[in-house]
Amino acid sequence: MACSYRGIIWRIGVIALGALFFIGGVYLFANWIDMFTRMRGKEMALSPKSPAYEGWKVSPLPLNFDVYLFNWTNPEDFYVGSGKKPRFEELGPYRFRENPDKVDIVWHEQNNSVSYRKYAAFYFDEANSKGKLTDRVTSVNTVSHGAALQASNGSFFQKSILRNVLKMYHEDISITKTANEWIFAGYSDPLVTMGSFVSKFAHDIVVPFDRVGWLYTRNDSSTYDGHFNIYTGLDDLRKMGQIHEWNHKNHTGIYEGECGRVRGSMGEFFPPNLTPKDTVEIFLQNLCRAVPLDYVQTVKVHGITAYKYAATERALDNGTLFPEMKCFCVNGKCEKSGVMNLGPCQYNSPTYTSFPHFYKADPSYLEAIEGLSPDPAKHEFYMTLEPNGGVPMDVGGGFQANYLMSPIKGFPPYHNIPRTFIPLMWAEERVRVTPEIASQIALVPLIVTLGQVVTGIMFAIGVLLMCWYPTKYMSQLCRDPKSKNALLNPIVISTTRSIALTPLRKPQKEVVSLLGFNQGPGGGEMVLQNEDSLKENLLPPPPTTESATAPDVINR
């Protein structure tokens, strides 16, 4: 009997252990990723001592900044009735090696954030460029047209002065300068010089620069991009690298509502545990807004599975296709999808951004000009991220600057021109991690996978332990129906012992007799006379030849 009890206890213990493994496996399988993320957050959160700090402060990868300029080949035909479209040829890339750094770093423990400025120095890489900085490039005379546009809303006196100035300096629709002047060096313009002088007395006239150039003052500067404040991720790894404030504000004030809210990644870190259903955002200070990137496909980068997120039609829509993007319209005026008004972000100039070559824009923009040909392989803006860690592995694409040429009544030569979006230039940065860095990134998905495998093994062990004995006996019972006697023996004997120790009332005599008990002398305790007789009453006899095929029946 002691052996029987020990067997039952042993079986219950095995089943209980299996239940613990089963429950633990299910819990860890459902929560392992979050648990690992929290553990990794304590180690990887941005701080002066964290492993991510050096790579965040100074990029470990070589950065190439490629600039493309559009040379306007027929500006003399740009007037109403000419019958000819503006024609452009793309020049470049003019490649620059970028040396970035983060300076003026200040840590804020009260909200787990860090403030800094972005410094960048650019060095021309002539060997890998398709062109020289001395190339002559013709483009829109934005200064002359912009001045006329501003004066058109002024007084008669202001209009008269500007007409005479335009005539005196022989200002035309286009202007030709070197590639270097258009990009970083800038060029002197008499209207800018005059405007700077006048702005000292007229507060409504703003001249922000002393020279003209698409990227003038950006080179060798730590103030061009502004002041940033991002979260370190110490309290929540999902917030790591997400911008909190730009220029000490959490709303740009440039676009209304959600469109003006400062949010998104600064490009170095993205939320972990991404899925194809997620949308990631990157804050681009040159556009004064966050740009959404949607999942497009799963790819392999150096053998590592990654998700590719790209800017779709939604990114530069202004309510035409996606109503929630209507807040990017300026003063209630919305252009067709694919271009965004940067006027409020660029000193109220008629500057618009689009993807290069008007990729994913309304066809009307391409139909108005010649020489541009959008190509997804060249002009798509995307970020390929390792989904478990949210680490960028392959980044590419850029944005194009366009100038809206519109007719201005009373200001030759702009009084007789068609309303047209003129492409100026576009720039891009392409970065892909090296195999060495990719091998380090691969540790994150490997640990996630190993954790899931271990929890799956725990789950399987739990199921095996819980089902081992029930399966064993059911299997034995199916193979040999008579073996159920062995299963019942411990239960029967245990039951009879309990009955033997329990006082019985008279109505139970028949039952007692049936079970093989007799009352002791003097009406004392009931005594089991013969355990074999009990088994004979409860369990059927072996089948005879005549009844071999009859089912087992317990005699009552």
Foldseek 3Di string as FASTA:
>chain_A
DVVVVVVVVVLVVLLVLLVVLQVQLVVCLVCVLVVVQLVVLQQAQDDPPHPCPVCVFWPPFWWKKWKKFWAFDCPVQFFPPSPAFTETAIAKRFIWTKTKGWDPWDADPVQQKIKTFIFIAIHTDVVPMRDDQQDKGKDFPQLLLQLLVVCLPPDPVSNVVSLVVCVVVVPDGMDIDGNNCQAEPFAADPSLVVLVVVCVPPVVRDRPDRGHYPCYPRHRDRPPLAMWMAHRCNVHVQRHQWTCDGNNDQFQVLFDDPFRGRTFGCPFFHGAQDDQVDWGWHADSLQNGIFIWHWDDWDAALNAIWTKTWRAQVRQACCPVPNVNVRQDDPNDGDFGFKGQSLSVPVNARKIKGFALSVNTDCVQDVNHDHGDDDCVATIFMFIARRRGRGTAKGKHWMWMWHFQAARPPRPPRNGGHGHIHTTMIMMMIDGDDSVVVVVVVVRVVVVVVSSVVSVVSSVSSVCSSCVVVVVVVVVCVVPVVCVCVVCVVVVVVVVVVVQPDDDDPVCVVVCVLQQWDADPPRHTIDRPDNVSNCPQQFPDPDDPVCNPPDTDRHD
